Protein backbone atom coordinates (compact mmCIF):
# COMPACT_ATOMS: atom_id res chain seq x y z
CA UNK A 1 -108.91 16.98 12.72
CA UNK A 2 -105.48 15.43 13.16
CA UNK A 3 -104.01 16.35 16.51
CA UNK A 4 -100.81 14.40 16.03
CA UNK A 5 -98.91 14.77 12.79
CA UNK A 6 -95.75 12.74 12.31
CA UNK A 7 -94.08 9.76 13.87
CA UNK A 8 -90.87 11.78 13.84
CA UNK A 9 -92.27 14.14 16.51
CA UNK A 10 -92.98 11.24 18.85
CA UNK A 11 -89.62 9.60 18.22
CA UNK A 12 -87.72 12.86 18.77
CA UNK A 13 -89.53 13.53 22.01
CA UNK A 14 -88.85 10.07 23.36
CA UNK A 15 -85.17 10.25 22.38
CA UNK A 16 -84.90 13.55 24.18
CA UNK A 17 -86.54 12.05 27.24
CA UNK A 18 -83.92 9.27 27.39
CA UNK A 19 -81.13 11.79 26.78
CA UNK A 20 -82.22 14.18 29.52
CA UNK A 21 -83.18 11.67 32.18
CA UNK A 22 -80.83 8.76 31.64
CA UNK A 23 -83.48 6.35 32.94
CA UNK A 24 -83.82 2.85 31.53
CA UNK A 25 -87.45 3.48 30.63
CA UNK A 26 -88.86 1.38 27.80
CA UNK A 27 -91.76 2.95 25.94
CA UNK A 28 -93.66 1.17 23.17
CA UNK A 29 -95.61 3.52 20.95
CA UNK A 30 -98.53 2.41 18.83
CA UNK A 31 -99.43 4.88 16.07
CA UNK A 32 -102.38 5.07 13.75
CA UNK A 33 -105.14 4.07 16.14
CA UNK A 34 -107.54 6.44 14.44
CA UNK A 35 -109.40 9.28 16.09
CA UNK A 36 -107.85 12.64 16.70
CA UNK A 37 -104.51 11.61 18.09
CA UNK A 38 -103.70 8.32 16.44
CA UNK A 39 -101.25 7.22 19.10
CA UNK A 40 -100.97 5.61 22.55
CA UNK A 41 -98.06 4.62 24.70
CA UNK A 42 -97.46 1.43 26.65
CA UNK A 43 -94.77 0.81 29.25
CA UNK A 44 -93.98 -2.87 29.81
CA UNK A 45 -90.88 -2.61 31.94
CA UNK A 46 -89.96 -1.41 35.36
CA UNK A 47 -87.52 1.34 36.27
CA UNK A 48 -85.03 1.43 39.09
CA UNK A 49 -87.20 3.69 41.21
CA UNK A 50 -90.26 1.55 41.99
CA UNK A 51 -91.96 -1.43 40.43
CA UNK A 52 -95.26 -0.39 41.95
CA UNK A 53 -95.40 2.85 39.98
CA UNK A 54 -94.44 1.02 36.82
CA UNK A 55 -97.12 -1.61 37.30
CA UNK A 56 -99.73 1.02 38.10
CA UNK A 57 -98.81 2.97 34.98
CA UNK A 58 -99.02 -0.14 32.83
CA UNK A 59 -102.47 -0.98 34.17
CA UNK A 60 -103.57 2.60 33.60
CA UNK A 61 -102.58 2.91 29.95
CA UNK A 62 -103.94 -0.51 29.09
CA UNK A 63 -107.39 1.01 29.64
CA UNK A 64 -106.85 3.46 26.78
CA UNK A 65 -109.43 3.06 24.04
CA UNK A 66 -111.45 0.45 25.89
CA UNK A 67 -115.23 0.72 25.96
CA UNK A 68 -116.35 2.29 29.22
CA UNK A 69 -112.76 2.99 30.22
CA UNK A 70 -112.20 4.77 33.54
CA UNK A 71 -108.81 6.03 32.35
CA UNK A 72 -109.65 9.73 32.60
CA UNK A 73 -110.74 9.52 36.23
CA UNK A 74 -108.04 7.06 37.25
CA UNK A 75 -105.30 9.06 35.54
CA UNK A 76 -106.00 12.15 37.62
CA UNK A 77 -105.38 10.14 40.78
CA UNK A 78 -102.27 8.52 39.32
CA UNK A 79 -100.81 11.86 38.20
CA UNK A 80 -101.51 13.46 41.57
CA UNK A 81 -99.91 10.58 43.47
CA UNK A 82 -96.87 10.46 41.19
CA UNK A 83 -96.49 14.13 40.24
CA UNK A 84 -92.74 14.03 40.71
CA UNK A 85 -92.32 10.97 38.53
CA UNK A 86 -91.61 10.71 34.83
CA UNK A 87 -94.56 8.35 34.65
CA UNK A 88 -96.89 11.23 35.50
CA UNK A 89 -95.82 13.03 32.32
CA UNK A 90 -96.36 9.93 30.20
CA UNK A 91 -99.73 9.30 31.86
CA UNK A 92 -100.77 12.87 31.10
CA UNK A 93 -99.98 12.35 27.40
CA UNK A 94 -102.07 9.17 27.33
CA UNK A 95 -104.88 10.92 29.19
CA UNK A 96 -104.84 13.80 26.73
CA UNK A 97 -105.13 11.33 23.85
CA UNK A 98 -108.05 9.57 25.53
CA UNK A 99 -109.79 12.90 26.17
CA UNK A 100 -109.48 13.90 22.52
CA UNK A 101 -110.87 10.54 21.44
CA UNK A 102 -113.88 11.27 23.63
CA UNK A 103 -114.10 14.83 22.23
CA UNK A 104 -113.32 16.30 25.65
CA UNK A 105 -110.98 18.90 24.23
CA UNK A 106 -110.87 21.12 27.30
CA UNK A 107 -109.65 18.17 29.38
CA UNK A 108 -107.05 17.30 26.76
CA UNK A 109 -105.81 20.89 26.66
CA UNK A 110 -105.59 20.96 30.45
CA UNK A 111 -103.37 17.87 30.49
CA UNK A 112 -101.08 19.21 27.76
CA UNK A 113 -100.69 22.52 29.59
CA UNK A 114 -99.86 20.57 32.75
CA UNK A 115 -97.17 18.66 30.87
CA UNK A 116 -95.65 21.84 29.46
CA UNK A 117 -95.24 23.29 32.94
CA UNK A 118 -94.17 20.11 34.73
CA UNK A 119 -91.47 18.63 32.50
CA UNK A 120 -87.95 19.87 31.88
CA UNK A 121 -87.61 17.79 28.73
CA UNK A 122 -87.67 20.21 25.82
CA UNK A 123 -88.93 17.65 23.31
CA UNK A 124 -91.85 16.69 25.54
CA UNK A 125 -92.61 20.38 26.04
CA UNK A 126 -92.61 20.86 22.27
CA UNK A 127 -94.82 17.83 21.75
CA UNK A 128 -97.27 19.16 24.32
CA UNK A 129 -97.28 22.64 22.78
CA UNK A 130 -97.84 21.46 19.21
CA UNK A 131 -100.66 19.13 20.21
CA UNK A 132 -102.20 21.87 22.35
CA UNK A 133 -102.10 24.21 19.35
CA UNK A 134 -103.96 21.63 17.25
CA UNK A 135 -106.66 21.42 19.90
CA UNK A 136 -106.92 25.20 20.08
CA UNK A 137 -107.23 25.30 16.29
CA UNK A 138 -110.09 22.80 16.45
CA UNK A 139 -111.72 24.95 19.13
CA UNK A 140 -111.32 27.99 16.86
CA UNK A 141 -109.08 29.66 19.42
CA UNK A 142 -106.80 30.90 16.68
CA UNK A 143 -104.92 33.60 18.55
CA UNK A 144 -104.31 31.26 21.47
CA UNK A 145 -102.96 28.65 19.07
CA UNK A 146 -100.52 31.17 17.58
CA UNK A 147 -99.42 32.19 21.08
CA UNK A 148 -98.82 28.54 21.97
CA UNK A 149 -96.76 28.07 18.82
CA UNK A 150 -94.76 31.17 19.73
CA UNK A 151 -93.01 29.31 22.54
CA UNK A 152 -89.36 28.51 21.97
CA UNK A 153 -89.21 24.97 20.59
CA UNK A 154 -86.37 22.73 19.37
CA UNK A 155 -85.21 23.21 15.78
CA UNK A 156 -86.45 19.69 14.99
CA UNK A 157 -90.00 21.01 15.39
CA UNK A 158 -89.52 23.98 13.04
CA UNK A 159 -91.40 22.45 10.10
CA UNK A 160 -94.22 21.19 12.32
CA UNK A 161 -94.67 24.59 13.97
CA UNK A 162 -94.60 26.46 10.65
CA UNK A 163 -97.16 24.13 9.09
CA UNK A 164 -99.41 24.48 12.11
CA UNK A 165 -99.16 28.25 11.88
CA UNK A 166 -100.16 27.94 8.24
CA UNK A 167 -103.22 25.91 9.22
CA UNK A 168 -104.20 28.56 11.76
CA UNK A 169 -103.79 31.37 9.24
CA UNK A 170 -105.91 29.49 6.72
CA UNK A 171 -108.63 29.17 9.36
CA UNK A 172 -108.32 32.93 9.95
CA UNK A 173 -108.54 33.46 6.18
CA UNK A 174 -105.14 35.16 6.21
CA UNK A 175 -103.93 33.33 3.12
CA UNK A 176 -100.77 35.35 2.58
CA UNK A 177 -99.46 34.58 6.06
CA UNK A 178 -100.54 30.98 5.56
CA UNK A 179 -98.54 30.76 2.34
CA UNK A 180 -95.45 32.20 4.03
CA UNK A 181 -95.76 29.75 6.93
CA UNK A 182 -96.20 26.74 4.65
CA UNK A 183 -93.15 27.86 2.65
CA UNK A 184 -91.10 28.03 5.86
CA UNK A 185 -92.26 24.51 6.68
CA UNK A 186 -91.26 23.26 3.20
CA UNK A 187 -87.87 24.99 3.43
CA UNK A 188 -87.32 23.31 6.81
CA UNK A 189 -87.79 19.92 5.19
CA UNK A 190 -91.37 19.40 6.27
CA UNK A 191 -92.52 18.11 2.89
CA UNK A 192 -89.99 15.27 2.75
CA UNK A 193 -92.27 12.85 4.56
CA UNK A 194 -95.44 14.90 4.39
CA UNK A 195 -96.92 15.24 0.90
CA UNK A 196 -99.95 17.03 2.33
CA UNK A 197 -97.81 20.06 3.18
CA UNK A 198 -96.85 20.65 -0.45
CA UNK A 199 -100.49 20.20 -1.45
CA UNK A 200 -101.52 22.88 1.05
CA UNK A 201 -98.95 25.28 -0.39
CA UNK A 202 -99.91 24.50 -3.98
CA UNK A 203 -103.60 25.00 -3.23
CA UNK A 204 -102.91 28.47 -1.88
CA UNK A 205 -101.06 29.31 -5.08
CA UNK A 206 -104.10 28.19 -7.11
CA UNK A 207 -106.40 30.28 -4.93
CA UNK A 208 -104.17 33.33 -5.45
CA UNK A 209 -104.25 32.89 -9.23
CA UNK A 210 -108.04 32.73 -9.24
CA UNK A 211 -108.66 35.77 -7.06
CA UNK A 212 -110.27 38.38 -9.36
CA UNK A 213 -108.51 41.71 -9.62
CA UNK A 214 -110.91 44.50 -8.65
CA UNK A 215 -111.23 47.51 -10.94
CA UNK A 216 -109.71 50.63 -9.56
């Protein structure tokens, strides 16, 4: 399962965060770590608000992926103590990634839901919703995944959402709806940097051609 899809999603969300908050917050993102998410975020700078929060956040995320890491337990305390801070949102994303790596999908879903209700940044909301939908798909909660994807998201996420809907419909064996969703994703430019999307659509066309016509 691939919970995160494209680097463009992450970049768009971070740009939106800077645009909406106007905070000099430096975020370094490392992609392709393997596992279900394939990403983790590091913050190496301080913000104007408090150096203590910045340092605590840095120490927290540095635990990500480490053997015997206490990140999941420590993050809950950090998020609770800094719930009004932008760092809490970032910590929740890192915690969700760590939970997925440990196959604790319920915990990951909980953190993503928390993000979606505690941030005003529309790109971060969209990022949380799309990753939540991928988890719900993995959990075979297909209708919940479709409901999650039904939230109003930025146009920049149109291809991602449509492709995810296609994946859900394939899992539900609703191949016609899957084909329509994948086509929407392609039309929205989703195949430009994602060759797998076109392959998914082409495979459905092959399946359709090989479905025997029943005698009437």
